[in-house]
PDB file of N, CA and C in Angstrom:
ATOM      1  N   MET A   1     -17.531-192.048  90.294  1.00  0.00           N
ATOM      2  CA  MET A   1     -18.683-192.608  90.962  1.00  0.00           C
ATOM      3  C   MET A   1     -18.881-191.952  92.326  1.00  0.00           C
ATOM      4  N   ASP A   2     -17.818-191.817  93.105  1.00  0.00           N
ATOM      5  CA  ASP A   2     -17.930-191.207  94.421  1.00  0.00           C
ATOM      6  C   ASP A   2     -18.354-189.749  94.314  1.00  0.00           C
ATOM      7  N   GLY A   3     -17.896-189.076  93.259  1.00  0.00           N
ATOM      8  CA  GLY A   3     -18.249-187.671  93.054  1.00  0.00           C
ATOM      9  C   GLY A   3     -19.737-187.490  92.815  1.00  0.00           C
ATOM     10  N   ILE A   4     -20.325-188.409  92.080  1.00  0.00           N
ATOM     11  CA  ILE A   4     -21.758-188.341  91.781  1.00  0.00           C
ATOM     12  C   ILE A   4     -22.576-188.534  93.056  1.00  0.00           C
ATOM     13  N   VAL A   5     -22.160-189.462  93.894  1.00  0.00           N
ATOM     14  CA  VAL A   5     -22.865-189.730  95.144  1.00  0.00           C
ATOM     15  C   VAL A   5     -22.786-188.507  96.057  1.00  0.00           C
ATOM     16  N   ILE A   6     -21.608-187.900  96.141  1.00  0.00           N
ATOM     17  CA  ILE A   6     -21.434-186.723  96.989  1.00  0.00           C
ATOM     18  C   ILE A   6     -22.289-185.569  96.481  1.00  0.00           C
ATOM     19  N   VAL A   7     -22.306-185.346  95.161  1.00  0.00           N
ATOM     20  CA  VAL A   7     -23.127-184.278  94.575  1.00  0.00           C
ATOM     21  C   VAL A   7     -24.608-184.547  94.842  1.00  0.00           C
ATOM     22  N   ALA A   8     -25.034-185.802  94.723  1.00  0.00           N
ATOM     23  CA  ALA A   8     -26.436-186.148  94.970  1.00  0.00           C
ATOM     24  C   ALA A   8     -26.804-185.880  96.430  1.00  0.00           C
ATOM     25  N   ILE A   9     -25.928-186.245  97.352  1.00  0.00           N
ATOM     26  CA  ILE A   9     -26.202-186.013  98.772  1.00  0.00           C
ATOM     27  C   ILE A   9     -26.268-184.519  99.063  1.00  0.00           C
ATOM     28  N   LEU A  10     -25.344-183.761  98.481  1.00  0.00           N
ATOM     29  CA  LEU A  10     -25.356-182.311  98.681  1.00  0.00           C
ATOM     30  C   LEU A  10     -26.620-181.678  98.096  1.00  0.00           C
ATOM     31  N   ALA A  11     -27.067-182.166  96.948  1.00  0.00           N
ATOM     32  CA  ALA A  11     -28.277-181.631  96.324  1.00  0.00           C
ATOM     33  C   ALA A  11     -29.502-181.895  97.196  1.00  0.00           C
ATOM     34  N   VAL A  12     -29.586-183.106  97.735  1.00  0.00           N
ATOM     35  CA  VAL A  12     -30.711-183.455  98.606  1.00  0.00           C
ATOM     36  C   VAL A  12     -30.679-182.603  99.867  1.00  0.00           C
ATOM     37  N   ALA A  13     -29.494-182.437 100.454  1.00  0.00           N
ATOM     38  CA  ALA A  13     -29.374-181.617 101.656  1.00  0.00           C
ATOM     39  C   ALA A  13     -29.760-180.171 101.365  1.00  0.00           C
ATOM     40  N   PHE A  14     -29.312-179.647 100.229  1.00  0.00           N
ATOM     41  CA  PHE A  14     -29.639-178.271  99.846  1.00  0.00           C
ATOM     42  C   PHE A  14     -31.153-178.108  99.707  1.00  0.00           C
ATOM     43  N   LEU A  15     -31.797-179.021  99.007  1.00  0.00           N
ATOM     44  CA  LEU A  15     -33.250-178.943  98.829  1.00  0.00           C
ATOM     45  C   LEU A  15     -33.976-179.034 100.173  1.00  0.00           C
ATOM     46  N   PHE A  16     -33.498-179.894 101.061  1.00  0.00           N
ATOM     47  CA  PHE A  16     -34.110-180.032 102.378  1.00  0.00           C
ATOM     48  C   PHE A  16     -34.077-178.703 103.126  1.00  0.00           C
ATOM     49  N   PHE A  17     -32.917-178.053 103.140  1.00  0.00           N
ATOM     50  CA  PHE A  17     -32.794-176.796 103.870  1.00  0.00           C
ATOM     51  C   PHE A  17     -33.574-175.670 103.208  1.00  0.00           C
ATOM     52  N   VAL A  18     -33.674-175.667 101.897  1.00  0.00           N
ATOM     53  CA  VAL A  18     -34.446-174.642 101.205  1.00  0.00           C
ATOM     54  C   VAL A  18     -35.926-174.800 101.533  1.00  0.00           C
ATOM     55  N   VAL A  19     -36.424-176.027 101.457  1.00  0.00           N
ATOM     56  CA  VAL A  19     -37.847-176.275 101.744  1.00  0.00           C
ATOM     57  C   VAL A  19     -38.144-175.989 103.207  1.00  0.00           C
ATOM     58  N   LYS A  20     -37.297-176.439 104.099  1.00  0.00           N
ATOM     59  CA  LYS A  20     -37.509-176.210 105.519  1.00  0.00           C
ATOM     60  C   LYS A  20     -37.413-174.728 105.846  1.00  0.00           C
ATOM     61  N   GLY A  21     -36.519-174.026 105.196  1.00  0.00           N
ATOM     62  CA  GLY A  21     -36.366-172.593 105.417  1.00  0.00           C
ATOM     63  C   GLY A  21     -37.594-171.820 104.976  1.00  0.00           C
ATOM     64  N   ASP A  22     -38.230-172.215 103.862  1.00  0.00           N
ATOM     65  CA  ASP A  22     -39.440-171.532 103.395  1.00  0.00           C
ATOM     66  C   ASP A  22     -40.584-171.706 104.388  1.00  0.00           C
ATOM     67  N   LYS A  23     -40.744-172.882 104.923  1.00  0.00           N
ATOM     68  CA  LYS A  23     -41.826-173.124 105.876  1.00  0.00           C
ATOM     69  C   LYS A  23     -41.605-172.352 107.160  1.00  0.00           C
ATOM     70  N   GLY A  24     -40.378-172.293 107.613  1.00  0.00           N
ATOM     71  CA  GLY A  24     -40.071-171.582 108.840  1.00  0.00           C
ATOM     72  C   GLY A  24     -40.284-170.090 108.709  1.00  0.00           C
ATOM     73  N   SER A  25     -39.944-169.519 107.575  1.00  0.00           N
ATOM     74  CA  SER A  25     -40.100-168.076 107.406  1.00  0.00           C
ATOM     75  C   SER A  25     -41.568-167.683 107.309  1.00  0.00           C
ATOM     76  N   LYS A  26     -42.399-168.551 106.764  1.00  0.00           N
ATOM     77  CA  LYS A  26     -43.825-168.242 106.674  1.00  0.00           C
ATOM     78  C   LYS A  26     -44.470-168.244 108.052  1.00  0.00           C
ATOM     79  N   ALA A  27     -44.074-169.166 108.889  1.00  0.00           N
ATOM     80  CA  ALA A  27     -44.670-169.266 110.216  1.00  0.00           C
ATOM     81  C   ALA A  27     -44.224-168.110 111.105  1.00  0.00           C
ATOM     82  N   ALA A  28     -43.003-167.633 110.915  1.00  0.00           N
ATOM     83  CA  ALA A  28     -42.471-166.593 111.779  1.00  0.00           C
ATOM     84  C   ALA A  28     -42.900-165.196 111.342  1.00  0.00           C
ATOM     85  N   SER A  29     -43.293-165.038 110.091  1.00  0.00           N
ATOM     86  CA  SER A  29     -43.638-163.703 109.605  1.00  0.00           C
ATOM     87  C   SER A  29     -45.016-163.285 110.102  1.00  0.00           C
ATOM     88  N   LYS A  30     -45.191-161.975 110.237  1.00  0.00           N
ATOM     89  CA  LYS A  30     -46.475-161.437 110.674  1.00  0.00           C
ATOM     90  C   LYS A  30     -47.455-161.463 109.518  1.00  0.00           C
ATOM     91  N   PRO A  31     -48.731-161.602 109.803  1.00  0.00           N
ATOM     92  CA  PRO A  31     -49.706-161.527 108.721  1.00  0.00           C
ATOM     93  C   PRO A  31     -49.731-160.120 108.141  1.00  0.00           C
ATOM     94  N   ALA A  32     -49.969-160.053 106.846  1.00  0.00           N
ATOM     95  CA  ALA A  32     -49.980-158.763 106.171  1.00  0.00           C
ATOM     96  C   ALA A  32     -51.190-157.949 106.631  1.00  0.00           C
ATOM     97  N   THR A  33     -50.947-156.687 106.924  1.00  0.00           N
ATOM     98  CA  THR A  33     -52.032-155.800 107.304  1.00  0.00           C
ATOM     99  C   THR A  33     -52.186-154.740 106.237  1.00  0.00           C
ATOM    100  N   LYS A  34     -53.408-154.381 105.959  1.00  0.00           N
ATOM    101  CA  LYS A  34     -53.664-153.355 104.957  1.00  0.00           C
ATOM    102  C   LYS A  34     -53.614-151.993 105.621  1.00  0.00           C
ATOM    103  N   SER A  35     -52.949-151.067 104.957  1.00  0.00           N
ATOM    104  CA  SER A  35     -52.875-149.730 105.516  1.00  0.00           C
ATOM    105  C   SER A  35     -54.095-148.893 105.117  1.00  0.00           C
ATOM    106  N   THR A  36     -54.803-149.345 104.096  1.00  0.00           N
ATOM    107  CA  THR A  36     -55.995-148.617 103.670  1.00  0.00           C
ATOM    108  C   THR A  36     -57.193-149.114 104.469  1.00  0.00           C
ATOM    109  N   PRO A  37     -58.125-148.243 104.764  1.00  0.00           N
ATOM    110  CA  PRO A  37     -59.308-148.687 105.506  1.00  0.00           C
ATOM    111  C   PRO A  37     -60.118-149.679 104.669  1.00  0.00           C
ATOM    112  N   GLN A  38     -60.642-150.685 105.347  1.00  0.00           N
ATOM    113  CA  GLN A  38     -61.398-151.723 104.662  1.00  0.00           C
ATOM    114  C   GLN A  38     -62.771-151.196 104.257  1.00  0.00           C
ATOM    115  N   GLU A  39     -63.162-151.531 103.025  1.00  0.00           N
ATOM    116  CA  GLU A  39     -64.483-151.106 102.553  1.00  0.00           C
ATOM    117  C   GLU A  39     -65.558-151.822 103.350  1.00  0.00           C
ATOM    118  N   LYS A  40     -66.597-151.072 103.709  1.00  0.00           N
ATOM    119  CA  LYS A  40     -67.715-151.730 104.368  1.00  0.00           C
ATOM    120  C   LYS A  40     -68.717-152.137 103.294  1.00  0.00           C
ATOM    121  N   ALA A  41     -69.485-153.142 103.604  1.00  0.00           N
ATOM    122  CA  ALA A  41     -70.474-153.651 102.658  1.00  0.00           C
ATOM    123  C   ALA A  41     -71.552-152.600 102.443  1.00  0.00           C
ATOM    124  N   PRO A  42     -71.985-152.440 101.189  1.00  0.00           N
ATOM    125  CA  PRO A  42     -73.067-151.481 100.938  1.00  0.00           C
ATOM    126  C   PRO A  42     -74.351-151.927 101.633  1.00  0.00           C
ATOM    127  N   THR A  43     -75.124-150.951 102.032  1.00  0.00           N
ATOM    128  CA  THR A  43     -76.385-151.265 102.707  1.00  0.00           C
ATOM    129  C   THR A  43     -77.419-151.745 101.696  1.00  0.00           C
ATOM    130  N   VAL A  44     -78.463-152.350 102.200  1.00  0.00           N
ATOM    131  CA  VAL A  44     -79.543-152.827 101.337  1.00  0.00           C
ATOM    132  C   VAL A  44     -80.170-151.647 100.593  1.00  0.00           C
ATOM    133  N   THR A  45     -80.311-150.521 101.276  1.00  0.00           N
ATOM    134  CA  THR A  45     -80.888-149.327 100.650  1.00  0.00           C
ATOM    135  C   THR A  45     -80.035-148.861  99.484  1.00  0.00           C
ATOM    136  N   GLU A  46     -78.712-148.866  99.670  1.00  0.00           N
ATOM    137  CA  GLU A  46     -77.813-148.466  98.584  1.00  0.00           C
ATOM    138  C   GLU A  46     -77.901-149.428  97.408  1.00  0.00           C
ATOM    139  N   LEU A  47     -78.020-150.715  97.713  1.00  0.00           N
ATOM    140  CA  LEU A  47     -78.104-151.707  96.649  1.00  0.00           C
ATOM    141  C   LEU A  47     -79.436-151.638  95.903  1.00  0.00           C
ATOM    142  N   LYS A  48     -80.519-151.296  96.618  1.00  0.00           N
ATOM    143  CA  LYS A  48     -81.836-151.203  95.974  1.00  0.00           C
ATOM    144  C   LYS A  48     -81.902-150.069  94.961  1.00  0.00           C
ATOM    145  N   LYS A  49     -81.022-149.071  95.100  1.00  0.00           N
ATOM    146  CA  LYS A  49     -81.001-147.943  94.162  1.00  0.00           C
ATOM    147  C   LYS A  49     -80.406-148.339  92.820  1.00  0.00           C
ATOM    148  N   LEU A  50     -79.692-149.461  92.770  1.00  0.00           N
ATOM    149  CA  LEU A  50     -79.054-149.912  91.539  1.00  0.00           C
ATOM    150  C   LEU A  50     -79.999-150.810  90.750  1.00  0.00           C
ATOM    151  N   THR A  51     -79.780-150.856  89.440  1.00  0.00           N
ATOM    152  CA  THR A  51     -80.549-151.788  88.617  1.00  0.00           C
ATOM    153  C   THR A  51     -79.960-153.182  88.795  1.00  0.00           C
ATOM    154  N   LYS A  52     -80.693-154.176  88.332  1.00  0.00           N
ATOM    155  CA  LYS A  52     -80.214-155.551  88.456  1.00  0.00           C
ATOM    156  C   LYS A  52     -78.903-155.728  87.693  1.00  0.00           C
ATOM    157  N   ASN A  53     -78.795-155.133  86.502  1.00  0.00           N
ATOM    158  CA  ASN A  53     -77.558-155.243  85.725  1.00  0.00           C
ATOM    159  C   ASN A  53     -76.392-154.590  86.461  1.00  0.00           C
ATOM    160  N   GLN A  54     -76.644-153.453  87.092  1.00  0.00           N
ATOM    161  CA  GLN A  54     -75.587-152.790  87.863  1.00  0.00           C
ATOM    162  C   GLN A  54     -75.165-153.643  89.058  1.00  0.00           C
ATOM    163  N   LEU A  55     -76.124-154.324  89.672  1.00  0.00           N
ATOM    164  CA  LEU A  55     -75.812-155.212  90.794  1.00  0.00           C
ATOM    165  C   LEU A  55     -74.922-156.371  90.335  1.00  0.00           C
ATOM    166  N   VAL A  56     -75.249-156.939  89.176  1.00  0.00           N
ATOM    167  CA  VAL A  56     -74.458-158.046  88.640  1.00  0.00           C
ATOM    168  C   VAL A  56     -73.041-157.563  88.317  1.00  0.00           C
ATOM    169  N   GLU A  57     -72.920-156.367  87.732  1.00  0.00           N
ATOM    170  CA  GLU A  57     -71.598-155.801  87.436  1.00  0.00           C
ATOM    171  C   GLU A  57     -70.803-155.554  88.717  1.00  0.00           C
ATOM    172  N   LEU A  58     -71.471-155.054  89.748  1.00  0.00           N
ATOM    173  CA  LEU A  58     -70.821-154.823  91.033  1.00  0.00           C
ATOM    174  C   LEU A  58     -70.297-156.136  91.613  1.00  0.00           C
ATOM    175  N   ALA A  59     -71.115-157.174  91.529  1.00  0.00           N
ATOM    176  CA  ALA A  59     -70.709-158.482  92.037  1.00  0.00           C
ATOM    177  C   ALA A  59     -69.496-159.012  91.266  1.00  0.00           C
ATOM    178  N   GLU A  60     -69.507-158.850  89.947  1.00  0.00           N
ATOM    179  CA  GLU A  60     -68.379-159.306  89.132  1.00  0.00           C
ATOM    180  C   GLU A  60     -67.113-158.534  89.487  1.00  0.00           C
ATOM    181  N   LYS A  61     -67.241-157.232  89.691  1.00  0.00           N
ATOM    182  CA  LYS A  61     -66.092-156.389  90.013  1.00  0.00           C
ATOM    183  C   LYS A  61     -65.472-156.796  91.348  1.00  0.00           C
ATOM    184  N   LYS A  62     -66.312-157.215  92.290  1.00  0.00           N
ATOM    185  CA  LYS A  62     -65.834-157.601  93.614  1.00  0.00           C
ATOM    186  C   LYS A  62     -65.498-159.087  93.699  1.00  0.00           C
ATOM    187  N   GLY A  63     -65.661-159.805  92.585  1.00  0.00           N
ATOM    188  CA  GLY A  63     -65.333-161.227  92.564  1.00  0.00           C
ATOM    189  C   GLY A  63     -66.352-162.112  93.251  1.00  0.00           C
ATOM    190  N   LEU A  64     -67.592-161.681  93.291  1.00  0.00           N
ATOM    191  CA  LEU A  64     -68.654-162.448  93.931  1.00  0.00           C
ATOM    192  C   LEU A  64     -69.401-163.258  92.883  1.00  0.00           C
ATOM    193  N   LYS A  65     -69.986-164.356  93.317  1.00  0.00           N
ATOM    194  CA  LYS A  65     -70.772-165.185  92.406  1.00  0.00           C
ATOM    195  C   LYS A  65     -72.238-165.054  92.774  1.00  0.00           C
ATOM    196  N   VAL A  66     -73.021-164.556  91.832  1.00  0.00           N
ATOM    197  CA  VAL A  66     -74.456-164.408  92.059  1.00  0.00           C
ATOM    198  C   VAL A  66     -75.201-165.033  90.889  1.00  0.00           C
ATOM    199  N   LYS A  67     -76.416-165.480  91.166  1.00  0.00           N
ATOM    200  CA  LYS A  67     -77.269-166.031  90.111  1.00  0.00           C
ATOM    201  C   LYS A  67     -77.932-164.873  89.387  1.00  0.00           C
ATOM    202  N   THR A  68     -77.635-164.735  88.118  1.00  0.00           N
ATOM    203  CA  THR A  68     -78.214-163.635  87.352  1.00  0.00           C
ATOM    204  C   THR A  68     -79.664-163.915  86.977  1.00  0.00           C
ATOM    205  N   SER A  69     -80.071-165.172  87.068  1.00  0.00           N
ATOM    206  CA  SER A  69     -81.452-165.505  86.709  1.00  0.00           C
ATOM    207  C   SER A  69     -82.427-165.194  87.836  1.00  0.00           C
ATOM    208  N   GLY A  70     -81.922-164.953  89.033  1.00  0.00           N
ATOM    209  CA  GLY A  70     -82.789-164.681  90.173  1.00  0.00           C
ATOM    210  C   GLY A  70     -83.353-163.272  90.139  1.00  0.00           C
ATOM    211  N   ALA A  71     -84.275-163.004  91.029  1.00  0.00           N
ATOM    212  CA  ALA A  71     -84.876-161.682  91.147  1.00  0.00           C
ATOM    213  C   ALA A  71     -83.856-160.697  91.705  1.00  0.00           C
ATOM    214  N   LYS A  72     -84.129-159.422  91.552  1.00  0.00           N
ATOM    215  CA  LYS A  72     -83.227-158.384  92.042  1.00  0.00           C
ATOM    216  C   LYS A  72     -83.006-158.533  93.547  1.00  0.00           C
ATOM    217  N   ALA A  73     -84.050-158.839  94.278  1.00  0.00           N
ATOM    218  CA  ALA A  73     -83.938-159.011  95.725  1.00  0.00           C
ATOM    219  C   ALA A  73     -83.009-160.177  96.066  1.00  0.00           C
ATOM    220  N   ALA A  74     -83.054-161.239  95.274  1.00  0.00           N
ATOM    221  CA  ALA A  74     -82.182-162.394  95.506  1.00  0.00           C
ATOM    222  C   ALA A  74     -80.723-162.021  95.234  1.00  0.00           C
ATOM    223  N   VAL A  75     -80.492-161.226  94.202  1.00  0.00           N
ATOM    224  CA  VAL A  75     -79.131-160.784  93.878  1.00  0.00           C
ATOM    225  C   VAL A  75     -78.600-159.915  95.020  1.00  0.00           C
ATOM    226  N   ILE A  76     -79.431-159.032  95.534  1.00  0.00           N
ATOM    227  CA  ILE A  76     -79.037-158.171  96.657  1.00  0.00           C
ATOM    228  C   ILE A  76     -78.688-159.026  97.878  1.00  0.00           C
ATOM    229  N   SER A  77     -79.514-160.021  98.162  1.00  0.00           N
ATOM    230  CA  SER A  77     -79.258-160.902  99.306  1.00  0.00           C
ATOM    231  C   SER A  77     -77.942-161.650  99.149  1.00  0.00           C
ATOM    232  N   GLU A  78     -77.665-162.152  97.945  1.00  0.00           N
ATOM    233  CA  GLU A  78     -76.426-162.888  97.704  1.00  0.00           C
ATOM    234  C   GLU A  78     -75.214-161.978  97.869  1.00  0.00           C
ATOM    235  N   ILE A  79     -75.304-160.758  97.374  1.00  0.00           N
ATOM    236  CA  ILE A  79     -74.192-159.808  97.507  1.00  0.00           C
ATOM    237  C   ILE A  79     -73.940-159.510  98.977  1.00  0.00           C
ATOM    238  N   ARG A  80     -74.999-159.213  99.716  1.00  0.00           N
ATOM    239  CA  ARG A  80     -74.836-158.889 101.146  1.00  0.00           C
ATOM    240  C   ARG A  80     -74.244-160.072 101.914  1.00  0.00           C
ATOM    241  N   GLU A  81     -74.692-161.285 101.622  1.00  0.00           N
ATOM    242  CA  GLU A  81     -74.184-162.483 102.308  1.00  0.00           C
ATOM    243  C   GLU A  81     -72.687-162.654 102.067  1.00  0.00           C
ATOM    244  N   GLN A  82     -72.248-162.456 100.833  1.00  0.00           N
ATOM    245  CA  GLN A  82     -70.857-162.697 100.487  1.00  0.00           C
ATOM    246  C   GLN A  82     -69.937-161.571 100.944  1.00  0.00           C
ATOM    247  N   LEU A  83     -70.475-160.393 101.194  1.00  0.00           N
ATOM    248  CA  LEU A  83     -69.637-159.275 101.632  1.00  0.00           C
ATOM    249  C   LEU A  83     -69.533-159.180 103.143  1.00  0.00           C
ATOM    250  N   LYS A  84     -70.219-160.019 103.875  1.00  0.00           N
ATOM    251  CA  LYS A  84     -70.153-159.969 105.346  1.00  0.00           C
ATOM    252  C   LYS A  84     -68.809-160.441 105.826  1.00  0.00           C
TER     253      LYS A  84
END
Protein backbone atom coordinates (compact mmCIF):
# COMPACT_ATOMS: atom_id res chain seq x y z
CA MET A 1 0.00 0.00 0.00
CA ASP A 2 2.75 2.46 0.91
CA GLY A 3 4.58 1.61 -2.31
CA ILE A 4 1.57 2.52 -4.42
CA VAL A 5 1.20 5.88 -2.68
CA ILE A 6 4.89 6.68 -3.17
CA VAL A 7 4.74 5.70 -6.87
CA ALA A 8 1.61 7.85 -7.33
CA ILE A 9 3.28 10.86 -5.69
CA LEU A 10 6.39 10.40 -7.82
CA ALA A 11 4.28 10.12 -10.98
CA VAL A 12 2.41 13.33 -10.17
CA ALA A 13 5.66 15.14 -9.39
CA PHE A 14 7.22 13.88 -12.64
CA LEU A 15 4.24 15.06 -14.70
CA PHE A 16 4.30 18.45 -12.95
CA PHE A 17 7.95 19.02 -13.81
CA VAL A 18 7.52 17.81 -17.39
CA VAL A 19 4.56 20.13 -18.01
CA LYS A 20 6.24 23.05 -16.27
CA GLY A 21 9.46 22.42 -18.17
CA ASP A 22 7.66 22.51 -21.55
CA LYS A 23 6.06 25.86 -20.79
CA GLY A 24 9.31 27.36 -19.60
CA SER A 25 11.26 26.28 -22.66
CA LYS A 26 8.69 27.77 -25.02
CA ALA A 27 8.80 31.15 -23.31
CA ALA A 28 12.59 31.27 -23.24
CA SER A 29 13.16 30.20 -26.84
CA LYS A 30 13.53 32.75 -29.62
CA PRO A 31 10.83 32.95 -32.26
CA ALA A 32 11.69 31.07 -35.41
CA THR A 33 13.04 33.24 -38.20
CA LYS A 34 12.95 32.29 -41.83
CA SER A 35 16.22 32.40 -43.67
CA THR A 36 14.49 32.67 -47.03
CA PRO A 37 13.19 36.05 -48.14
CA GLN A 38 9.47 36.45 -47.59
CA GLU A 39 7.31 36.47 -50.70
CA LYS A 40 5.66 39.78 -51.39
CA ALA A 41 2.02 39.87 -52.37
CA PRO A 42 1.40 39.97 -56.11
CA THR A 43 0.29 43.31 -57.45
CA VAL A 44 -3.20 43.92 -58.78
CA THR A 45 -1.74 44.20 -62.29
CA GLU A 46 -0.10 40.79 -61.96
CA LEU A 47 -3.33 39.27 -60.69
CA LYS A 48 -5.41 40.83 -63.49
CA LYS A 49 -3.27 38.95 -66.04
CA LEU A 50 -4.53 35.64 -64.63
CA THR A 51 -7.86 34.02 -65.42
CA LYS A 52 -10.42 33.60 -62.67
CA ASN A 53 -9.68 29.86 -62.49
CA GLN A 54 -5.96 30.57 -62.15
CA LEU A 55 -6.72 33.06 -59.37
CA VAL A 56 -8.77 30.44 -57.51
CA GLU A 57 -5.94 27.89 -57.91
CA LEU A 58 -3.42 30.45 -56.63
CA ALA A 59 -5.60 31.12 -53.60
CA GLU A 60 -5.93 27.38 -52.89
CA LYS A 61 -2.16 26.90 -53.22
CA LYS A 62 -1.52 29.69 -50.71
CA GLY A 63 -4.22 28.45 -48.34
CA LEU A 64 -6.52 31.42 -48.84
CA LYS A 65 -10.30 31.29 -48.81
CA VAL A 66 -12.04 33.10 -51.64
CA LYS A 67 -15.58 33.04 -52.96
CA THR A 68 -15.46 31.36 -56.34
CA SER A 69 -18.94 32.60 -57.19
CA GLY A 70 -17.82 36.24 -57.09
CA ALA A 71 -16.53 38.30 -59.98
CA LYS A 72 -12.86 38.19 -60.95
CA ALA A 73 -12.33 41.61 -59.38
CA ALA A 74 -13.81 40.36 -56.09
CA VAL A 75 -11.49 37.33 -56.12
CA ILE A 76 -8.51 39.64 -56.72
CA SER A 77 -9.59 41.88 -53.84
CA GLU A 78 -9.96 38.91 -51.48
CA ILE A 79 -6.52 37.56 -52.41
CA ARG A 80 -4.86 40.95 -51.89
CA GLU A 81 -6.62 41.45 -48.52
CA GLN A 82 -5.51 38.07 -47.20
CA LEU A 83 -1.91 38.41 -48.40
CA LYS A 84 -1.31 41.75 -46.66
